[in-house]
Amino acid sequence: MTENETLAAHHFKLQLDGVMLEAVKGINHLSIDKNGGKVTIVRGVKTSTAFTEWVNRSLHDGIGAENLTINEEDSAGRTVRRIQLMDARVTKWESGKPNERVFVVAERGSIE
């Protein structure tokens, strides 16, 4: 990110096990350390069925630990940062459009 760019000029796109799912409004509370990672994903108005199904499987069925990638792109669509969350699962879901929040934890994580 250059000095003159703002975070608002960036976009975030989610991939689950390598499959592009949806663009999201933003990410908050990103933390990655030796004990794993966590992030809050803020979804926008347009949501994908596949991501919603993963949220439900993870929360209600206790299954769904998958590899989640968050690609941060600049206004030109170039990836400027990639956040990898391995064996990720949802711990909480706050519904309510247009600012639905999904809380995710992972066994391992990295930022590229």
PDB file of N, CA and C in Angstrom:
ATOM      1  N   MET A   1       0.851  -1.172   0.000  1.00  0.00           N
ATOM      2  CA  MET A   1       0.000   0.000   0.000  1.00  0.00           C
ATOM      3  C   MET A   1       0.894   1.232   0.000  1.00  0.00           C
ATOM      4  N   THR A   2       0.637   2.145  -0.902  1.00  0.00           N
ATOM      5  CA  THR A   2       1.449   3.344  -0.961  1.00  0.00           C
ATOM      6  C   THR A   2       0.979   4.352   0.070  1.00  0.00           C
ATOM      7  N   GLU A   3       1.794   5.367   0.272  1.00  0.00           N
ATOM      8  CA  GLU A   3       1.501   6.360   1.287  1.00  0.00           C
ATOM      9  C   GLU A   3       0.187   7.086   1.043  1.00  0.00           C
ATOM     10  N   ASN A   4      -0.172   7.297  -0.241  1.00  0.00           N
ATOM     11  CA  ASN A   4      -1.375   8.056  -0.571  1.00  0.00           C
ATOM     12  C   ASN A   4      -2.636   7.209  -0.668  1.00  0.00           C
ATOM     13  N   GLU A   5      -2.500   5.883  -0.631  1.00  0.00           N
ATOM     14  CA  GLU A   5      -3.676   5.014  -0.710  1.00  0.00           C
ATOM     15  C   GLU A   5      -4.302   4.872   0.673  1.00  0.00           C
ATOM     16  N   THR A   6      -5.597   4.750   0.678  1.00  0.00           N
ATOM     17  CA  THR A   6      -6.288   4.500   1.928  1.00  0.00           C
ATOM     18  C   THR A   6      -6.822   3.083   1.905  1.00  0.00           C
ATOM     19  N   LEU A   7      -7.131   2.553   3.078  1.00  0.00           N
ATOM     20  CA  LEU A   7      -7.681   1.212   3.162  1.00  0.00           C
ATOM     21  C   LEU A   7      -9.010   1.125   2.423  1.00  0.00           C
ATOM     22  N   ALA A   8      -9.745   2.247   2.362  1.00  0.00           N
ATOM     23  CA  ALA A   8     -11.034   2.253   1.666  1.00  0.00           C
ATOM     24  C   ALA A   8     -10.868   1.961   0.178  1.00  0.00           C
ATOM     25  N   ALA A   9      -9.685   2.215  -0.375  1.00  0.00           N
ATOM     26  CA  ALA A   9      -9.439   1.957  -1.791  1.00  0.00           C
ATOM     27  C   ALA A   9      -9.125   0.486  -2.036  1.00  0.00           C
ATOM     28  N   HIS A  10      -9.068  -0.296  -0.989  1.00  0.00           N
ATOM     29  CA  HIS A  10      -8.736  -1.705  -1.119  1.00  0.00           C
ATOM     30  C   HIS A  10      -9.989  -2.560  -1.034  1.00  0.00           C
ATOM     31  N   HIS A  11      -9.911  -3.721  -1.672  1.00  0.00           N
ATOM     32  CA  HIS A  11     -11.026  -4.659  -1.703  1.00  0.00           C
ATOM     33  C   HIS A  11     -10.529  -5.990  -1.166  1.00  0.00           C
ATOM     34  N   PHE A  12     -11.425  -6.761  -0.618  1.00  0.00           N
ATOM     35  CA  PHE A  12     -11.073  -8.051  -0.061  1.00  0.00           C
ATOM     36  C   PHE A  12     -11.908  -9.136  -0.719  1.00  0.00           C
ATOM     37  N   LYS A  13     -11.243 -10.200  -1.150  1.00  0.00           N
ATOM     38  CA  LYS A  13     -11.932 -11.324  -1.771  1.00  0.00           C
ATOM     39  C   LYS A  13     -11.574 -12.598  -1.038  1.00  0.00           C
ATOM     40  N   LEU A  14     -12.594 -13.446  -0.835  1.00  0.00           N
ATOM     41  CA  LEU A  14     -12.419 -14.687  -0.086  1.00  0.00           C
ATOM     42  C   LEU A  14     -12.310 -15.892  -1.000  1.00  0.00           C
ATOM     43  N   GLN A  15     -11.416 -16.790  -0.613  1.00  0.00           N
ATOM     44  CA  GLN A  15     -11.316 -18.097  -1.254  1.00  0.00           C
ATOM     45  C   GLN A  15     -11.403 -19.143  -0.156  1.00  0.00           C
ATOM     46  N   LEU A  16     -12.118 -20.206  -0.436  1.00  0.00           N
ATOM     47  CA  LEU A  16     -12.202 -21.337   0.488  1.00  0.00           C
ATOM     48  C   LEU A  16     -11.662 -22.549  -0.243  1.00  0.00           C
ATOM     49  N   ASP A  17     -10.572 -23.109   0.267  1.00  0.00           N
ATOM     50  CA  ASP A  17      -9.873 -24.221  -0.374  1.00  0.00           C
ATOM     51  C   ASP A  17      -9.607 -23.938  -1.857  1.00  0.00           C
ATOM     52  N   GLY A  18      -9.171 -22.711  -2.155  1.00  0.00           N
ATOM     53  CA  GLY A  18      -8.768 -22.344  -3.507  1.00  0.00           C
ATOM     54  C   GLY A  18      -9.869 -21.887  -4.429  1.00  0.00           C
ATOM     55  N   VAL A  19     -11.120 -21.909  -3.980  1.00  0.00           N
ATOM     56  CA  VAL A  19     -12.251 -21.509  -4.819  1.00  0.00           C
ATOM     57  C   VAL A  19     -12.698 -20.101  -4.415  1.00  0.00           C
ATOM     58  N   MET A  20     -12.706 -19.176  -5.386  1.00  0.00           N
ATOM     59  CA  MET A  20     -13.134 -17.812  -5.111  1.00  0.00           C
ATOM     60  C   MET A  20     -14.619 -17.808  -4.760  1.00  0.00           C
ATOM     61  N   LEU A  21     -14.952 -17.162  -3.630  1.00  0.00           N
ATOM     62  CA  LEU A  21     -16.332 -17.174  -3.168  1.00  0.00           C
ATOM     63  C   LEU A  21     -17.031 -15.833  -3.309  1.00  0.00           C
ATOM     64  N   GLU A  22     -16.446 -14.805  -2.702  1.00  0.00           N
ATOM     65  CA  GLU A  22     -17.132 -13.519  -2.734  1.00  0.00           C
ATOM     66  C   GLU A  22     -16.181 -12.403  -2.342  1.00  0.00           C
ATOM     67  N   ALA A  23     -16.551 -11.206  -2.744  1.00  0.00           N
ATOM     68  CA  ALA A  23     -15.875 -10.006  -2.266  1.00  0.00           C
ATOM     69  C   ALA A  23     -16.578  -9.596  -0.983  1.00  0.00           C
ATOM     70  N   VAL A  24     -15.813  -9.126  -0.012  1.00  0.00           N
ATOM     71  CA  VAL A  24     -16.408  -8.717   1.259  1.00  0.00           C
ATOM     72  C   VAL A  24     -16.130  -7.246   1.504  1.00  0.00           C
ATOM     73  N   LYS A  25     -16.904  -6.693   2.400  1.00  0.00           N
ATOM     74  CA  LYS A  25     -16.820  -5.273   2.701  1.00  0.00           C
ATOM     75  C   LYS A  25     -15.512  -4.918   3.405  1.00  0.00           C
ATOM     76  N   GLY A  26     -15.045  -5.811   4.259  1.00  0.00           N
ATOM     77  CA  GLY A  26     -13.810  -5.524   4.980  1.00  0.00           C
ATOM     78  C   GLY A  26     -13.439  -6.640   5.938  1.00  0.00           C
ATOM     79  N   ILE A  27     -12.275  -6.463   6.554  1.00  0.00           N
ATOM     80  CA  ILE A  27     -11.831  -7.381   7.598  1.00  0.00           C
ATOM     81  C   ILE A  27     -11.420  -6.554   8.809  1.00  0.00           C
ATOM     82  N   ASN A  28     -11.650  -7.103   9.978  1.00  0.00           N
ATOM     83  CA  ASN A  28     -11.302  -6.441  11.238  1.00  0.00           C
ATOM     84  C   ASN A  28     -10.625  -7.444  12.157  1.00  0.00           C
ATOM     85  N   HIS A  29      -9.928  -6.928  13.136  1.00  0.00           N
ATOM     86  CA  HIS A  29      -9.371  -7.739  14.225  1.00  0.00           C
ATOM     87  C   HIS A  29      -8.501  -8.883  13.726  1.00  0.00           C
ATOM     88  N   LEU A  30      -7.699  -8.628  12.701  1.00  0.00           N
ATOM     89  CA  LEU A  30      -6.808  -9.651  12.181  1.00  0.00           C
ATOM     90  C   LEU A  30      -5.661  -9.863  13.159  1.00  0.00           C
ATOM     91  N   SER A  31      -5.448 -11.125  13.509  1.00  0.00           N
ATOM     92  CA  SER A  31      -4.363 -11.483  14.418  1.00  0.00           C
ATOM     93  C   SER A  31      -3.811 -12.832  13.999  1.00  0.00           C
ATOM     94  N   ILE A  32      -2.507 -12.882  13.764  1.00  0.00           N
ATOM     95  CA  ILE A  32      -1.852 -14.141  13.423  1.00  0.00           C
ATOM     96  C   ILE A  32      -0.592 -14.246  14.263  1.00  0.00           C
ATOM     97  N   ASP A  33      -0.457 -15.370  14.965  1.00  0.00           N
ATOM     98  CA  ASP A  33       0.740 -15.612  15.759  1.00  0.00           C
ATOM     99  C   ASP A  33       1.037 -17.102  15.763  1.00  0.00           C
ATOM    100  N   LYS A  34       1.959 -17.535  16.617  1.00  0.00           N
ATOM    101  CA  LYS A  34       2.356 -18.947  16.626  1.00  0.00           C
ATOM    102  C   LYS A  34       1.230 -19.877  17.068  1.00  0.00           C
ATOM    103  N   ASN A  35       0.206 -19.330  17.697  1.00  0.00           N
ATOM    104  CA  ASN A  35      -0.916 -20.146  18.170  1.00  0.00           C
ATOM    105  C   ASN A  35      -2.075 -20.204  17.182  1.00  0.00           C
ATOM    106  N   GLY A  36      -1.924 -19.572  16.030  1.00  0.00           N
ATOM    107  CA  GLY A  36      -2.992 -19.602  15.038  1.00  0.00           C
ATOM    108  C   GLY A  36      -3.352 -18.209  14.574  1.00  0.00           C
ATOM    109  N   GLY A  37      -4.584 -18.065  14.116  1.00  0.00           N
ATOM    110  CA  GLY A  37      -5.025 -16.778  13.622  1.00  0.00           C
ATOM    111  C   GLY A  37      -6.500 -16.560  13.853  1.00  0.00           C
ATOM    112  N   LYS A  38      -6.892 -15.298  13.753  1.00  0.00           N
ATOM    113  CA  LYS A  38      -8.314 -14.975  13.851  1.00  0.00           C
ATOM    114  C   LYS A  38      -8.575 -13.699  13.082  1.00  0.00           C
ATOM    115  N   VAL A  39      -9.803 -13.567  12.622  1.00  0.00           N
ATOM    116  CA  VAL A  39     -10.209 -12.398  11.857  1.00  0.00           C
ATOM    117  C   VAL A  39     -11.737 -12.280  11.914  1.00  0.00           C
ATOM    118  N   THR A  40     -12.217 -11.064  11.806  1.00  0.00           N
ATOM    119  CA  THR A  40     -13.645 -10.814  11.645  1.00  0.00           C
ATOM    120  C   THR A  40     -13.862 -10.348  10.209  1.00  0.00           C
ATOM    121  N   ILE A  41     -14.751 -11.030   9.510  1.00  0.00           N
ATOM    122  CA  ILE A  41     -15.063 -10.700   8.127  1.00  0.00           C
ATOM    123  C   ILE A  41     -16.391  -9.949   8.103  1.00  0.00           C
ATOM    124  N   VAL A  42     -16.396  -8.793   7.459  1.00  0.00           N
ATOM    125  CA  VAL A  42     -17.618  -7.996   7.324  1.00  0.00           C
ATOM    126  C   VAL A  42     -18.124  -8.191   5.902  1.00  0.00           C
ATOM    127  N   ARG A  43     -19.262  -8.854   5.797  1.00  0.00           N
ATOM    128  CA  ARG A  43     -19.837  -9.134   4.484  1.00  0.00           C
ATOM    129  C   ARG A  43     -20.696  -7.964   4.031  1.00  0.00           C
ATOM    130  N   GLY A  44     -20.804  -7.815   2.734  1.00  0.00           N
ATOM    131  CA  GLY A  44     -21.611  -6.750   2.160  1.00  0.00           C
ATOM    132  C   GLY A  44     -22.985  -7.249   1.771  1.00  0.00           C
ATOM    133  N   VAL A  45     -23.612  -6.555   0.861  1.00  0.00           N
ATOM    134  CA  VAL A  45     -24.956  -6.896   0.411  1.00  0.00           C
ATOM    135  C   VAL A  45     -24.944  -8.162  -0.445  1.00  0.00           C
ATOM    136  N   LYS A  46     -23.940  -8.298  -1.310  1.00  0.00           N
ATOM    137  CA  LYS A  46     -23.849  -9.470  -2.185  1.00  0.00           C
ATOM    138  C   LYS A  46     -23.056 -10.561  -1.465  1.00  0.00           C
ATOM    139  N   THR A  47     -23.737 -11.643  -1.140  1.00  0.00           N
ATOM    140  CA  THR A  47     -23.097 -12.747  -0.439  1.00  0.00           C
ATOM    141  C   THR A  47     -23.218 -14.019  -1.268  1.00  0.00           C
ATOM    142  N   SER A  48     -22.242 -14.898  -1.103  1.00  0.00           N
ATOM    143  CA  SER A  48     -22.287 -16.153  -1.859  1.00  0.00           C
ATOM    144  C   SER A  48     -22.930 -17.253  -1.028  1.00  0.00           C
ATOM    145  N   THR A  49     -23.672 -18.095  -1.694  1.00  0.00           N
ATOM    146  CA  THR A  49     -24.308 -19.237  -1.041  1.00  0.00           C
ATOM    147  C   THR A  49     -23.260 -20.189  -0.479  1.00  0.00           C
ATOM    148  N   ALA A  50     -22.165 -20.393  -1.216  1.00  0.00           N
ATOM    149  CA  ALA A  50     -21.128 -21.329  -0.768  1.00  0.00           C
ATOM    150  C   ALA A  50     -20.498 -20.886   0.546  1.00  0.00           C
ATOM    151  N   PHE A  51     -20.226 -19.580   0.707  1.00  0.00           N
ATOM    152  CA  PHE A  51     -19.643 -19.104   1.961  1.00  0.00           C
ATOM    153  C   PHE A  51     -20.653 -19.220   3.095  1.00  0.00           C
ATOM    154  N   THR A  52     -21.903 -18.877   2.824  1.00  0.00           N
ATOM    155  CA  THR A  52     -22.950 -18.998   3.847  1.00  0.00           C
ATOM    156  C   THR A  52     -23.105 -20.450   4.288  1.00  0.00           C
ATOM    157  N   GLU A  53     -23.042 -21.375   3.341  1.00  0.00           N
ATOM    158  CA  GLU A  53     -23.141 -22.803   3.697  1.00  0.00           C
ATOM    159  C   GLU A  53     -21.970 -23.236   4.566  1.00  0.00           C
ATOM    160  N   TRP A  54     -20.759 -22.742   4.273  1.00  0.00           N
ATOM    161  CA  TRP A  54     -19.594 -23.070   5.108  1.00  0.00           C
ATOM    162  C   TRP A  54     -19.774 -22.519   6.517  1.00  0.00           C
ATOM    163  N   VAL A  55     -20.275 -21.302   6.621  1.00  0.00           N
ATOM    164  CA  VAL A  55     -20.536 -20.704   7.937  1.00  0.00           C
ATOM    165  C   VAL A  55     -21.499 -21.593   8.719  1.00  0.00           C
ATOM    166  N   ASN A  56     -22.576 -22.027   8.084  1.00  0.00           N
ATOM    167  CA  ASN A  56     -23.566 -22.880   8.756  1.00  0.00           C
ATOM    168  C   ASN A  56     -22.988 -24.235   9.143  1.00  0.00           C
ATOM    169  N   ARG A  57     -22.232 -24.862   8.240  1.00  0.00           N
ATOM    170  CA  ARG A  57     -21.607 -26.160   8.558  1.00  0.00           C
ATOM    171  C   ARG A  57     -20.653 -26.028   9.735  1.00  0.00           C
ATOM    172  N   SER A  58     -19.883 -24.984   9.726  1.00  0.00           N
ATOM    173  CA  SER A  58     -18.883 -24.773  10.763  1.00  0.00           C
ATOM    174  C   SER A  58     -19.535 -24.495  12.114  1.00  0.00           C
ATOM    175  N   LEU A  59     -20.536 -23.658  12.124  1.00  0.00           N
ATOM    176  CA  LEU A  59     -21.199 -23.278  13.378  1.00  0.00           C
ATOM    177  C   LEU A  59     -22.137 -24.354  13.916  1.00  0.00           C
ATOM    178  N   HIS A  60     -22.991 -24.880  13.071  1.00  0.00           N
ATOM    179  CA  HIS A  60     -24.076 -25.738  13.540  1.00  0.00           C
ATOM    180  C   HIS A  60     -23.761 -27.224  13.490  1.00  0.00           C
ATOM    181  N   ASP A  61     -22.920 -27.635  12.542  1.00  0.00           N
ATOM    182  CA  ASP A  61     -22.626 -29.056  12.409  1.00  0.00           C
ATOM    183  C   ASP A  61     -21.282 -29.437  13.012  1.00  0.00           C
ATOM    184  N   GLY A  62     -20.489 -28.428  13.391  1.00  0.00           N
ATOM    185  CA  GLY A  62     -19.186 -28.703  13.979  1.00  0.00           C
ATOM    186  C   GLY A  62     -18.157 -29.192  12.970  1.00  0.00           C
ATOM    187  N   ILE A  63     -18.490 -29.113  11.694  1.00  0.00           N
ATOM    188  CA  ILE A  63     -17.535 -29.488  10.657  1.00  0.00           C
ATOM    189  C   ILE A  63     -17.315 -28.271   9.772  1.00  0.00           C
ATOM    190  N   GLY A  64     -16.303 -28.325   8.989  1.00  0.00           N
ATOM    191  CA  GLY A  64     -16.087 -27.208   8.090  1.00  0.00           C
ATOM    192  C   GLY A  64     -14.741 -26.547   8.243  1.00  0.00           C
ATOM    193  N   ALA A  65     -13.793 -27.161   8.955  1.00  0.00           N
ATOM    194  CA  ALA A  65     -12.452 -26.587   9.033  1.00  0.00           C
ATOM    195  C   ALA A  65     -11.819 -26.675   7.656  1.00  0.00           C
ATOM    196  N   GLU A  66     -11.599 -25.540   7.059  1.00  0.00           N
ATOM    197  CA  GLU A  66     -11.061 -25.478   5.703  1.00  0.00           C
ATOM    198  C   GLU A  66     -10.010 -24.389   5.639  1.00  0.00           C
ATOM    199  N   ASN A  67      -9.357 -24.296   4.517  1.00  0.00           N
ATOM    200  CA  ASN A  67      -8.339 -23.271   4.321  1.00  0.00           C
ATOM    201  C   ASN A  67      -8.976 -22.037   3.699  1.00  0.00           C
ATOM    202  N   LEU A  68      -8.904 -20.936   4.414  1.00  0.00           N
ATOM    203  CA  LEU A  68      -9.509 -19.678   3.995  1.00  0.00           C
ATOM    204  C   LEU A  68      -8.399 -18.716   3.585  1.00  0.00           C
ATOM    205  N   THR A  69      -8.543 -18.130   2.406  1.00  0.00           N
ATOM    206  CA  THR A  69      -7.600 -17.126   1.927  1.00  0.00           C
ATOM    207  C   THR A  69      -8.348 -15.825   1.737  1.00  0.00           C
ATOM    208  N   ILE A  70      -7.768 -14.748   2.246  1.00  0.00           N
ATOM    209  CA  ILE A  70      -8.323 -13.415   2.045  1.00  0.00           C
ATOM    210  C   ILE A  70      -7.317 -12.651   1.201  1.00  0.00           C
ATOM    211  N   ASN A  71      -7.715 -12.300  -0.006  1.00  0.00           N
ATOM    212  CA  ASN A  71      -6.867 -11.519  -0.903  1.00  0.00           C
ATOM    213  C   ASN A  71      -7.242 -10.059  -0.780  1.00  0.00           C
ATOM    214  N   GLU A  72      -6.280  -9.226  -0.401  1.00  0.00           N
ATOM    215  CA  GLU A  72      -6.496  -7.790  -0.357  1.00  0.00           C
ATOM    216  C   GLU A  72      -5.991  -7.210  -1.674  1.00  0.00           C
ATOM    217  N   GLU A  73      -6.872  -6.506  -2.376  1.00  0.00           N
ATOM    218  CA  GLU A  73      -6.522  -5.950  -3.670  1.00  0.00           C
ATOM    219  C   GLU A  73      -6.604  -4.429  -3.632  1.00  0.00           C
ATOM    220  N   ASP A  74      -5.733  -3.787  -4.409  1.00  0.00           N
ATOM    221  CA  ASP A  74      -5.802  -2.333  -4.519  1.00  0.00           C
ATOM    222  C   ASP A  74      -6.903  -1.951  -5.509  1.00  0.00           C
ATOM    223  N   SER A  75      -7.071  -0.666  -5.740  1.00  0.00           N
ATOM    224  CA  SER A  75      -8.164  -0.198  -6.605  1.00  0.00           C
ATOM    225  C   SER A  75      -8.014  -0.656  -8.053  1.00  0.00           C
ATOM    226  N   ALA A  76      -6.820  -1.087  -8.448  1.00  0.00           N
ATOM    227  CA  ALA A  76      -6.598  -1.589  -9.806  1.00  0.00           C
ATOM    228  C   ALA A  76      -6.781  -3.104  -9.899  1.00  0.00           C
ATOM    229  N   GLY A  77      -7.124  -3.755  -8.781  1.00  0.00           N
ATOM    230  CA  GLY A  77      -7.354  -5.193  -8.780  1.00  0.00           C
ATOM    231  C   GLY A  77      -6.108  -6.032  -8.578  1.00  0.00           C
ATOM    232  N   ARG A  78      -4.994  -5.405  -8.207  1.00  0.00           N
ATOM    233  CA  ARG A  78      -3.754  -6.142  -7.933  1.00  0.00           C
ATOM    234  C   ARG A  78      -3.743  -6.613  -6.488  1.00  0.00           C
ATOM    235  N   THR A  79      -3.363  -7.861  -6.278  1.00  0.00           N
ATOM    236  CA  THR A  79      -3.262  -8.390  -4.917  1.00  0.00           C
ATOM    237  C   THR A  79      -2.062  -7.749  -4.233  1.00  0.00           C
ATOM    238  N   VAL A  80      -2.309  -7.095  -3.112  1.00  0.00           N
ATOM    239  CA  VAL A  80      -1.238  -6.437  -2.364  1.00  0.00           C
ATOM    240  C   VAL A  80      -0.903  -7.191  -1.079  1.00  0.00           C
ATOM    241  N   ARG A  81      -1.813  -8.056  -0.649  1.00  0.00           N
ATOM    242  CA  ARG A  81      -1.577  -8.851   0.557  1.00  0.00           C
ATOM    243  C   ARG A  81      -2.470 -10.068   0.501  1.00  0.00           C
ATOM    244  N   ARG A  82      -1.920 -11.185   0.935  1.00  0.00           N
ATOM    245  CA  ARG A  82      -2.686 -12.434   0.975  1.00  0.00           C
ATOM    246  C   ARG A  82      -2.612 -12.975   2.397  1.00  0.00           C
ATOM    247  N   ILE A  83      -3.781 -13.212   2.968  1.00  0.00           N
ATOM    248  CA  ILE A  83      -3.875 -13.748   4.329  1.00  0.00           C
ATOM    249  C   ILE A  83      -4.339 -15.188   4.222  1.00  0.00           C
ATOM    250  N   GLN A  84      -3.544 -16.105   4.730  1.00  0.00           N
ATOM    251  CA  GLN A  84      -3.861 -17.533   4.687  1.00  0.00           C
ATOM    252  C   GLN A  84      -4.254 -17.980   6.094  1.00  0.00           C
ATOM    253  N   LEU A  85      -5.419 -18.585   6.209  1.00  0.00           N
ATOM    254  CA  LEU A  85      -5.879 -19.153   7.482  1.00  0.00           C
ATOM    255  C   LEU A  85      -6.170 -20.629   7.248  1.00  0.00           C
ATOM    256  N   MET A  86      -5.293 -21.489   7.782  1.00  0.00           N
ATOM    257  CA  MET A  86      -5.417 -22.914   7.555  1.00  0.00           C
ATOM    258  C   MET A  86      -6.215 -23.572   8.681  1.00  0.00           C
ATOM    259  N   ASP A  87      -7.028 -24.560   8.293  1.00  0.00           N
ATOM    260  CA  ASP A  87      -7.933 -25.235   9.225  1.00  0.00           C
ATOM    261  C   ASP A  87      -8.799 -24.214   9.959  1.00  0.00           C
ATOM    262  N   ALA A  88      -9.387 -23.313   9.178  1.00  0.00           N
ATOM    263  CA  ALA A  88     -10.221 -22.236   9.725  1.00  0.00           C
ATOM    264  C   ALA A  88     -11.638 -22.731   9.980  1.00  0.00           C
ATOM    265  N   ARG A  89     -12.251 -22.149  10.998  1.00  0.00           N
ATOM    266  CA  ARG A  89     -13.644 -22.445  11.299  1.00  0.00           C
ATOM    267  C   ARG A  89     -14.313 -21.205  11.888  1.00  0.00           C
ATOM    268  N   VAL A  90     -15.611 -21.165  11.791  1.00  0.00           N
ATOM    269  CA  VAL A  90     -16.387 -20.027  12.278  1.00  0.00           C
ATOM    270  C   VAL A  90     -16.729 -20.251  13.748  1.00  0.00           C
ATOM    271  N   THR A  91     -16.529 -19.208  14.558  1.00  0.00           N
ATOM    272  CA  THR A  91     -16.879 -19.297  15.980  1.00  0.00           C
ATOM    273  C   THR A  91     -18.137 -18.509  16.321  1.00  0.00           C
ATOM    274  N   LYS A  92     -18.477 -17.529  15.477  1.00  0.00           N
ATOM    275  CA  LYS A  92     -19.641 -16.694  15.759  1.00  0.00           C
ATOM    276  C   LYS A  92     -20.089 -16.039  14.467  1.00  0.00           C
ATOM    277  N   TRP A  93     -21.389 -15.810  14.366  1.00  0.00           N
ATOM    278  CA  TRP A  93     -21.973 -15.172  13.191  1.00  0.00           C
ATOM    279  C   TRP A  93     -22.994 -14.164  13.666  1.00  0.00           C
ATOM    280  N   GLU A  94     -22.793 -12.908  13.314  1.00  0.00           N
ATOM    281  CA  GLU A  94     -23.753 -11.848  13.624  1.00  0.00           C
ATOM    282  C   GLU A  94     -24.431 -11.456  12.329  1.00  0.00           C
ATOM    283  N   SER A  95     -25.671 -11.916  12.168  1.00  0.00           N
ATOM    284  CA  SER A  95     -26.375 -11.621  10.920  1.00  0.00           C
ATOM    285  C   SER A  95     -26.966 -10.220  10.982  1.00  0.00           C
ATOM    286  N   GLY A  96     -27.390  -9.764   9.860  1.00  0.00           N
ATOM    287  CA  GLY A  96     -27.980  -8.435   9.756  1.00  0.00           C
ATOM    288  C   GLY A  96     -27.322  -7.663   8.647  1.00  0.00           C
ATOM    289  N   LYS A  97     -27.987  -7.595   7.522  1.00  0.00           N
ATOM    290  CA  LYS A  97     -27.430  -6.888   6.372  1.00  0.00           C
ATOM    291  C   LYS A  97     -27.555  -5.400   6.606  1.00  0.00           C
ATOM    292  N   PRO A  98     -26.680  -4.568   6.116  1.00  0.00           N
ATOM    293  CA  PRO A  98     -25.609  -4.903   5.192  1.00  0.00           C
ATOM    294  C   PRO A  98     -24.271  -5.165   5.879  1.00  0.00           C
ATOM    295  N   ASN A  99     -24.236  -5.298   7.184  1.00  0.00           N
ATOM    296  CA  ASN A  99     -22.969  -5.465   7.890  1.00  0.00           C
ATOM    297  C   ASN A  99     -22.891  -6.771   8.667  1.00  0.00           C
ATOM    298  N   GLU A 100     -23.172  -7.849   8.004  1.00  0.00           N
ATOM    299  CA  GLU A 100     -23.093  -9.171   8.613  1.00  0.00           C
ATOM    300  C   GLU A 100     -21.631  -9.450   8.981  1.00  0.00           C
ATOM    301  N   ARG A 101     -21.394  -9.987  10.183  1.00  0.00           N
ATOM    302  CA  ARG A 101     -20.033 -10.256  10.646  1.00  0.00           C
ATOM    303  C   ARG A 101     -19.846 -11.748  10.901  1.00  0.00           C
ATOM    304  N   VAL A 102     -18.715 -12.258  10.423  1.00  0.00           N
ATOM    305  CA  VAL A 102     -18.362 -13.665  10.602  1.00  0.00           C
ATOM    306  C   VAL A 102     -17.017 -13.707  11.313  1.00  0.00           C
ATOM    307  N   PHE A 103     -16.982 -14.347  12.479  1.00  0.00           N
ATOM    308  CA  PHE A 103     -15.773 -14.446  13.298  1.00  0.00           C
ATOM    309  C   PHE A 103     -15.116 -15.793  13.013  1.00  0.00           C
ATOM    310  N   VAL A 104     -13.852 -15.763  12.609  1.00  0.00           N
ATOM    311  CA  VAL A 104     -13.143 -16.958  12.177  1.00  0.00           C
ATOM    312  C   VAL A 104     -11.872 -17.142  12.997  1.00  0.00           C
ATOM    313  N   VAL A 105     -11.596 -18.382  13.382  1.00  0.00           N
ATOM    314  CA  VAL A 105     -10.318 -18.746  14.011  1.00  0.00           C
ATOM    315  C   VAL A 105      -9.680 -19.829  13.162  1.00  0.00           C
ATOM    316  N   ALA A 106      -8.344 -19.932  13.255  1.00  0.00           N
ATOM    317  CA  ALA A 106      -7.620 -20.928  12.464  1.00  0.00           C
ATOM    318  C   ALA A 106      -6.503 -21.533  13.292  1.00  0.00           C
ATOM    319  N   GLU A 107      -6.153 -22.759  12.938  1.00  0.00           N
ATOM    320  CA  GLU A 107      -5.052 -23.445  13.611  1.00  0.00           C
ATOM    321  C   GLU A 107      -3.703 -22.815  13.269  1.00  0.00           C
ATOM    322  N   ARG A 108      -3.572 -22.381  12.005  1.00  0.00           N
ATOM    323  CA  ARG A 108      -2.330 -21.770  11.535  1.00  0.00           C
ATOM    324  C   ARG A 108      -2.680 -20.607  10.613  1.00  0.00           C
ATOM    325  N   GLY A 109      -1.778 -19.660  10.521  1.00  0.00           N
ATOM    326  CA  GLY A 109      -2.031 -18.553   9.626  1.00  0.00           C
ATOM    327  C   GLY A 109      -0.740 -17.900   9.168  1.00  0.00           C
ATOM    328  N   SER A 110      -0.842 -17.179   8.052  1.00  0.00           N
ATOM    329  CA  SER A 110       0.302 -16.426   7.556  1.00  0.00           C
ATOM    330  C   SER A 110      -0.197 -15.241   6.734  1.00  0.00           C
ATOM    331  N   ILE A 111       0.693 -14.255   6.604  1.00  0.00           N
ATOM    332  CA  ILE A 111       0.403 -13.091   5.771  1.00  0.00           C
ATOM    333  C   ILE A 111       1.527 -12.982   4.754  1.00  0.00           C
ATOM    334  N   GLU A 112       1.162 -12.911   3.497  1.00  0.00           N
ATOM    335  CA  GLU A 112       2.154 -12.813   2.422  1.00  0.00           C
ATOM    336  C   GLU A 112       2.052 -11.454   1.760  1.00  0.00           C
TER     337      GLU A 112
END
